[in-house]
């Protein structure tokens, strides 16, 4: 049998039994670490401000910025049976409501500060864990002047320069995690669907990603939240959602008790729990985050059974994978 056919059998075995983007030697991810903004904050801002925001009396769920769990929580529940825990409560979710990629001096821990908090915590890097980066919305809000003019774009001379810096620094965060030893990194894009500043920022983000210098065994999973939000609003049935209203939010409609059914946003900024759950399903379907990978001993038995162990070891080549969805 020619070498290429031996390699083909090895490859077919891998394809048949392994999730497509798994850089780990355990069956499942062994931890989930989160960096980001209010879309994925599990309660850090609530703890930091003494329990005043987000206000649970309005229907915000367990100190999150919507009426239920967010997508990293749902992943954590599927993997470990519990949602993510905020870092200020001893957990591995370092996200903060209001956080940006770019530090504009507002006192909220932004991307670099969150990674610094992680390293200062003394937690070792888990090479079999998943590291989530979910930023960008507040950077675009800053560019749009939502937070007012003071500190809107920091010291940058123009909005374009600010957005370029946001994209560059976002990718620098990925590089930092790689250099610390993270081998499974998930990142989202700037999320505001159809917004001109978002479109520009995501163009800069694509260019910046091309400059990454990741280790050969690092997997970067890139998910477009902006495209997901577009689909949720224009083709909701493709995501298992009913038609979504964007002309009113759940708080305005007073629909908290009904679960905000058919309403895209909980408060005008953050998607409802149903939309978060649809996003999680889409992410998991595309990347197989909860799929099982055979452990090394299992691989060995499988390959020996086919008499292919030495060939597979000889020809297997790890390479950096950037997977887009």
Protein backbone atom coordinates (compact mmCIF):
# COMPACT_ATOMS: atom_id res chain seq x y z
CA UNK A 1 0.00 0.00 0.00
CA UNK A 2 1.39 3.39 -0.94
CA UNK A 3 2.24 5.92 1.73
CA UNK A 4 -0.44 8.27 0.53
CA UNK A 5 -3.09 5.62 1.15
CA UNK A 6 -1.80 4.95 4.65
CA UNK A 7 -2.01 8.66 5.32
CA UNK A 8 -5.49 8.76 3.82
CA UNK A 9 -6.74 6.08 6.19
CA UNK A 10 -5.26 8.01 9.12
CA UNK A 11 -6.90 11.19 7.93
CA UNK A 12 -10.27 9.54 7.46
CA UNK A 13 -10.11 8.20 10.99
CA UNK A 14 -9.42 11.66 12.32
CA UNK A 15 -12.21 13.24 10.31
CA UNK A 16 -14.71 10.59 11.30
CA UNK A 17 -14.07 10.76 15.02
CA UNK A 18 -12.86 14.25 15.87
CA UNK A 19 -14.49 17.69 16.07
CA UNK A 20 -12.95 19.84 13.39
CA UNK A 21 -11.24 22.43 15.57
CA UNK A 22 -9.98 20.69 18.68
CA UNK A 23 -6.46 21.42 19.94
CA UNK A 24 -6.48 19.47 23.17
CA UNK A 25 -5.61 16.05 24.52
CA UNK A 26 -8.70 15.67 26.72
CA UNK A 27 -12.13 14.52 25.63
CA UNK A 28 -13.66 17.94 26.35
CA UNK A 29 -12.46 21.42 27.19
CA UNK A 30 -11.42 21.37 30.83
CA UNK A 31 -12.12 25.04 31.59
CA UNK A 32 -13.73 28.15 30.12
CA UNK A 33 -12.12 31.55 30.70
CA UNK A 34 -13.97 34.66 29.54
CA UNK A 35 -12.81 38.19 28.70
CA UNK A 36 -15.27 40.72 27.40
CA UNK A 37 -18.02 43.26 27.91
CA UNK A 38 -21.60 43.22 29.17
CA UNK A 39 -22.67 40.62 26.60
CA UNK A 40 -20.72 38.04 28.61
CA UNK A 41 -20.34 39.66 32.07
CA UNK A 42 -21.47 37.16 34.73
CA UNK A 43 -21.63 39.75 37.52
CA UNK A 44 -18.33 41.60 37.83
CA UNK A 45 -19.82 45.04 37.23
CA UNK A 46 -22.66 44.25 39.63
CA UNK A 47 -20.19 43.27 42.34
CA UNK A 48 -17.94 46.26 41.66
CA UNK A 49 -20.76 48.81 41.92
CA UNK A 50 -22.27 47.39 45.08
CA UNK A 51 -25.23 45.67 43.47
CA UNK A 52 -26.90 48.62 41.77
CA UNK A 53 -26.44 47.70 38.10
CA UNK A 54 -27.77 45.73 36.38
CA UNK A 55 -30.91 46.13 38.50
CA UNK A 56 -32.49 42.73 39.28
CA UNK A 57 -35.84 44.43 39.92
CA UNK A 58 -36.05 45.13 36.18
CA UNK A 59 -35.68 41.46 35.33
CA UNK A 60 -31.93 41.21 34.84
CA UNK A 61 -31.01 37.62 35.64
CA UNK A 62 -28.40 36.74 38.26
CA UNK A 63 -26.40 39.96 37.75
CA UNK A 64 -26.16 39.50 33.99
CA UNK A 65 -27.20 42.07 31.39
CA UNK A 66 -30.17 40.14 30.06
CA UNK A 67 -33.04 37.96 31.27
CA UNK A 68 -31.10 34.70 31.37
CA UNK A 69 -27.74 33.08 30.86
CA UNK A 70 -25.38 34.26 28.12
CA UNK A 71 -23.63 31.98 25.65
CA UNK A 72 -20.44 31.32 27.71
CA UNK A 73 -22.73 30.37 30.62
CA UNK A 74 -24.60 27.93 28.43
CA UNK A 75 -21.34 26.40 27.24
CA UNK A 76 -20.12 26.10 30.83
CA UNK A 77 -23.40 24.47 31.87
CA UNK A 78 -23.12 21.92 29.08
CA UNK A 79 -19.48 21.15 29.92
CA UNK A 80 -19.47 21.36 33.71
CA UNK A 81 -23.07 21.65 34.91
CA UNK A 82 -22.70 25.22 36.20
CA UNK A 83 -22.62 28.69 34.59
CA UNK A 84 -19.50 30.85 34.55
CA UNK A 85 -18.54 32.63 37.77
CA UNK A 86 -17.34 36.26 37.83
CA UNK A 87 -13.66 36.71 38.61
CA UNK A 88 -14.51 39.05 41.50
CA UNK A 89 -16.27 36.06 43.07
CA UNK A 90 -13.29 33.77 42.46
CA UNK A 91 -14.26 32.51 39.02
CA UNK A 92 -12.76 32.59 35.54
CA UNK A 93 -15.13 35.07 33.89
CA UNK A 94 -13.19 38.35 33.80
CA UNK A 95 -15.68 40.22 31.60
CA UNK A 96 -16.96 43.62 32.74
CA UNK A 97 -20.02 45.51 31.61
CA UNK A 98 -18.87 48.62 29.76
CA UNK A 99 -15.48 47.19 28.82
CA UNK A 100 -13.85 48.09 25.53
CA UNK A 101 -10.85 46.89 23.64
CA UNK A 102 -9.26 50.35 23.90
CA UNK A 103 -8.62 51.82 27.34
CA UNK A 104 -10.05 55.35 27.28
CA UNK A 105 -9.55 55.96 30.99
CA UNK A 106 -13.10 55.36 32.21
CA UNK A 107 -12.03 53.11 35.07
CA UNK A 108 -13.64 49.95 33.73
CA UNK A 109 -11.21 47.06 33.15
CA UNK A 110 -10.79 46.82 29.39
CA UNK A 111 -9.16 44.02 27.39
CA UNK A 112 -5.57 44.48 28.53
CA UNK A 113 -6.61 45.02 32.15
CA UNK A 114 -8.74 41.89 32.14
CA UNK A 115 -5.90 39.75 30.84
CA UNK A 116 -3.62 41.35 33.43
CA UNK A 117 -6.16 40.46 36.13
CA UNK A 118 -6.09 36.89 34.90
CA UNK A 119 -2.30 36.67 35.04
CA UNK A 120 -2.25 38.36 38.46
CA UNK A 121 -4.74 35.81 39.77
CA UNK A 122 -2.05 33.16 39.66
CA UNK A 123 -4.21 30.82 37.64
CA UNK A 124 -2.10 28.66 35.34
CA UNK A 125 -2.88 28.51 31.66
CA UNK A 126 -5.00 25.48 30.84
CA UNK A 127 -3.83 24.21 27.47
CA UNK A 128 -6.98 22.10 27.26
CA UNK A 129 -9.24 25.01 28.17
CA UNK A 130 -11.13 27.46 25.97
CA UNK A 131 -10.39 31.20 26.17
CA UNK A 132 -13.21 33.47 24.99
CA UNK A 133 -12.75 37.08 23.85
CA UNK A 134 -15.98 39.04 23.28
CA UNK A 135 -15.38 42.77 22.76
CA UNK A 136 -16.10 45.58 20.34
CA UNK A 137 -19.62 46.81 20.97
CA UNK A 138 -18.61 49.54 23.40
CA UNK A 139 -15.74 50.65 21.17
CA UNK A 140 -18.25 51.30 18.39
CA UNK A 141 -20.64 52.98 20.83
CA UNK A 142 -17.74 55.25 21.78
CA UNK A 143 -17.10 56.09 18.14
CA UNK A 144 -20.80 56.88 17.71
CA UNK A 145 -20.73 59.25 20.69
CA UNK A 146 -23.13 57.19 22.79
CA UNK A 147 -21.07 57.85 25.92
CA UNK A 148 -20.68 61.56 25.21
CA UNK A 149 -17.71 63.37 23.77
CA UNK A 150 -15.38 63.17 26.77
CA UNK A 151 -13.42 59.95 26.46
CA UNK A 152 -15.45 58.83 23.47
CA UNK A 153 -12.38 57.88 21.44
CA UNK A 154 -9.70 58.65 23.99
CA UNK A 155 -6.72 60.59 22.70
CA UNK A 156 -7.04 59.36 19.12
CA UNK A 157 -7.22 62.18 16.55
CA UNK A 158 -10.00 60.65 14.46
CA UNK A 159 -12.68 58.00 14.72
CA UNK A 160 -10.95 56.01 11.99
CA UNK A 161 -7.67 55.99 13.93
CA UNK A 162 -9.58 54.87 17.01
CA UNK A 163 -11.29 52.00 15.19
CA UNK A 164 -8.00 50.89 13.65
CA UNK A 165 -6.46 50.85 17.13
CA UNK A 166 -9.41 48.89 18.50
CA UNK A 167 -8.98 46.21 15.83
CA UNK A 168 -5.21 46.08 16.31
CA UNK A 169 -5.41 45.89 20.10
CA UNK A 170 -8.13 43.25 19.94
CA UNK A 171 -5.87 41.01 17.89
CA UNK A 172 -2.96 41.85 20.22
CA UNK A 173 -5.05 40.35 23.01
CA UNK A 174 -5.27 37.11 21.06
CA UNK A 175 -1.52 37.16 20.56
CA UNK A 176 -0.98 37.74 24.29
CA UNK A 177 -3.10 34.74 25.23
CA UNK A 178 -1.24 32.60 22.71
CA UNK A 179 2.09 33.74 24.12
CA UNK A 180 0.89 32.93 27.64
CA UNK A 181 0.21 29.38 26.45
CA UNK A 182 -3.49 29.35 25.57
CA UNK A 183 -4.08 26.92 22.73
CA UNK A 184 -7.83 27.20 22.17
CA UNK A 185 -8.98 30.79 21.62
CA UNK A 186 -12.46 31.92 20.58
CA UNK A 187 -13.07 35.51 19.50
CA UNK A 188 -16.02 37.48 18.16
CA UNK A 189 -16.06 40.47 15.85
CA UNK A 190 -17.48 43.95 16.39
CA UNK A 191 -21.16 43.05 16.80
CA UNK A 192 -23.43 45.90 15.65
CA UNK A 193 -25.01 44.57 12.46
CA UNK A 194 -25.16 46.98 9.54
CA UNK A 195 -23.51 49.87 11.38
CA UNK A 196 -20.94 51.76 9.22
CA UNK A 197 -18.41 52.05 12.05
CA UNK A 198 -18.79 48.34 12.74
CA UNK A 199 -18.24 47.49 9.09
CA UNK A 200 -15.07 49.59 9.06
CA UNK A 201 -13.80 48.12 12.33
CA UNK A 202 -14.40 44.57 11.13
CA UNK A 203 -12.46 45.30 7.96
CA UNK A 204 -9.52 46.44 10.08
CA UNK A 205 -9.99 43.38 12.29
CA UNK A 206 -9.73 41.01 9.34
CA UNK A 207 -6.50 42.68 8.25
CA UNK A 208 -5.08 42.56 11.78
CA UNK A 209 -5.86 38.86 12.19
CA UNK A 210 -3.69 38.18 9.14
CA UNK A 211 -0.69 39.53 11.08
CA UNK A 212 -1.00 37.07 13.95
CA UNK A 213 1.96 34.85 14.76
CA UNK A 214 0.37 32.00 16.66
CA UNK A 215 2.03 28.81 17.84
CA UNK A 216 1.63 25.84 15.55
CA UNK A 217 -0.73 24.06 17.94
CA UNK A 218 -3.00 27.05 18.61
CA UNK A 219 -6.54 27.03 17.27
CA UNK A 220 -8.27 30.39 16.79
CA UNK A 221 -12.04 30.20 16.36
CA UNK A 222 -13.51 33.38 14.89
CA UNK A 223 -17.26 33.98 15.11
CA UNK A 224 -19.07 36.89 13.51
CA UNK A 225 -21.58 38.25 16.01
CA UNK A 226 -22.46 40.99 13.56
CA UNK A 227 -23.54 38.40 11.01
CA UNK A 228 -25.40 36.43 13.67
CA UNK A 229 -27.29 39.56 14.75
CA UNK A 230 -28.16 40.26 11.13
CA UNK A 231 -29.52 36.76 10.70
CA UNK A 232 -31.45 36.96 13.97
CA UNK A 233 -33.19 40.10 12.75
CA UNK A 234 -33.74 39.20 9.09
CA UNK A 235 -33.94 35.39 9.02
CA UNK A 236 -34.77 34.42 12.58
CA UNK A 237 -36.30 31.05 11.67
CA UNK A 238 -32.88 29.86 10.46
CA UNK A 239 -31.75 30.15 14.07
CA UNK A 240 -34.82 28.55 15.61
CA UNK A 241 -36.26 31.91 16.67
CA UNK A 242 -39.65 33.48 16.00
CA UNK A 243 -39.68 36.80 14.12
CA UNK A 244 -37.79 39.39 16.18
CA UNK A 245 -39.00 42.92 16.83
CA UNK A 246 -36.30 45.58 16.80
CA UNK A 247 -38.62 48.56 17.15
CA UNK A 248 -39.10 48.01 20.88
CA UNK A 249 -37.13 46.32 23.65
CA UNK A 250 -38.37 43.96 26.33
CA UNK A 251 -38.23 46.53 29.14
CA UNK A 252 -40.18 49.06 27.10
CA UNK A 253 -42.77 46.44 26.25
CA UNK A 254 -43.00 45.26 29.85
CA UNK A 255 -42.64 41.74 28.55
CA UNK A 256 -40.22 40.36 31.14
CA UNK A 257 -42.82 37.99 32.58
CA UNK A 258 -43.39 36.39 29.19
CA UNK A 259 -39.68 35.88 28.55
CA UNK A 260 -39.49 38.68 25.97
CA UNK A 261 -40.76 36.34 23.26
CA UNK A 262 -40.28 37.78 19.78
CA UNK A 263 -38.24 40.77 20.96
CA UNK A 264 -34.58 40.96 19.98
CA UNK A 265 -33.20 43.24 22.71
CA UNK A 266 -33.83 43.08 26.43
CA UNK A 267 -33.03 46.73 27.13
CA UNK A 268 -32.15 48.37 23.83
CA UNK A 269 -28.50 47.31 23.99
CA UNK A 270 -28.30 43.66 25.03
CA UNK A 271 -29.97 40.72 23.28
CA UNK A 272 -32.52 38.67 25.15
CA UNK A 273 -31.69 35.31 26.69
CA UNK A 274 -33.48 33.59 23.81
CA UNK A 275 -31.20 35.32 21.31
CA UNK A 276 -28.15 34.46 23.43
CA UNK A 277 -29.28 30.82 23.44
CA UNK A 278 -29.71 30.86 19.67
CA UNK A 279 -26.21 32.28 19.35
CA UNK A 280 -24.85 29.52 21.55
CA UNK A 281 -26.56 26.85 19.47
CA UNK A 282 -25.14 28.36 16.29
CA UNK A 283 -21.63 28.61 17.74
CA UNK A 284 -21.71 25.06 19.04
CA UNK A 285 -23.03 23.72 15.76
CA UNK A 286 -20.30 25.45 13.79
CA UNK A 287 -17.36 24.69 16.09
CA UNK A 288 -18.40 21.60 18.03
CA UNK A 289 -17.41 23.11 21.37
CA UNK A 290 -19.12 20.37 23.36
CA UNK A 291 -18.08 17.51 21.07
CA UNK A 292 -15.93 14.76 22.48
CA UNK A 293 -12.35 14.22 21.31
CA UNK A 294 -10.85 10.77 21.94
CA UNK A 295 -8.03 10.88 24.48
CA UNK A 296 -4.49 9.98 23.34
CA UNK A 297 -4.74 6.43 24.71
CA UNK A 298 -7.93 5.91 22.73
CA UNK A 299 -6.28 7.23 19.58
CA UNK A 300 -3.41 4.80 20.11
CA UNK A 301 -5.71 1.79 20.40
CA UNK A 302 -7.69 2.88 17.35
CA UNK A 303 -4.61 3.33 15.22
CA UNK A 304 -2.83 0.19 16.36
CA UNK A 305 -5.97 -1.71 15.46
CA UNK A 306 -5.47 -0.56 11.88
CA UNK A 307 -1.73 -1.03 11.99
CA UNK A 308 -1.26 2.64 11.24
CA UNK A 309 0.21 4.17 14.38
CA UNK A 310 3.72 4.73 13.09
CA UNK A 311 2.53 6.12 9.79
CA UNK A 312 0.16 8.57 11.43
CA UNK A 313 2.76 9.75 13.88
CA UNK A 314 5.22 10.19 11.04
CA UNK A 315 2.91 12.18 8.82
CA UNK A 316 0.77 14.08 11.33
CA UNK A 317 1.63 17.78 11.14
CA UNK A 318 0.15 20.32 13.53
CA UNK A 319 -0.49 23.76 12.10
CA UNK A 320 -2.17 26.89 13.33
CA UNK A 321 -5.83 26.87 12.39
CA UNK A 322 -7.97 29.98 12.12
CA UNK A 323 -11.56 28.88 11.70
CA UNK A 324 -14.17 31.40 10.62
CA UNK A 325 -17.93 31.25 11.15
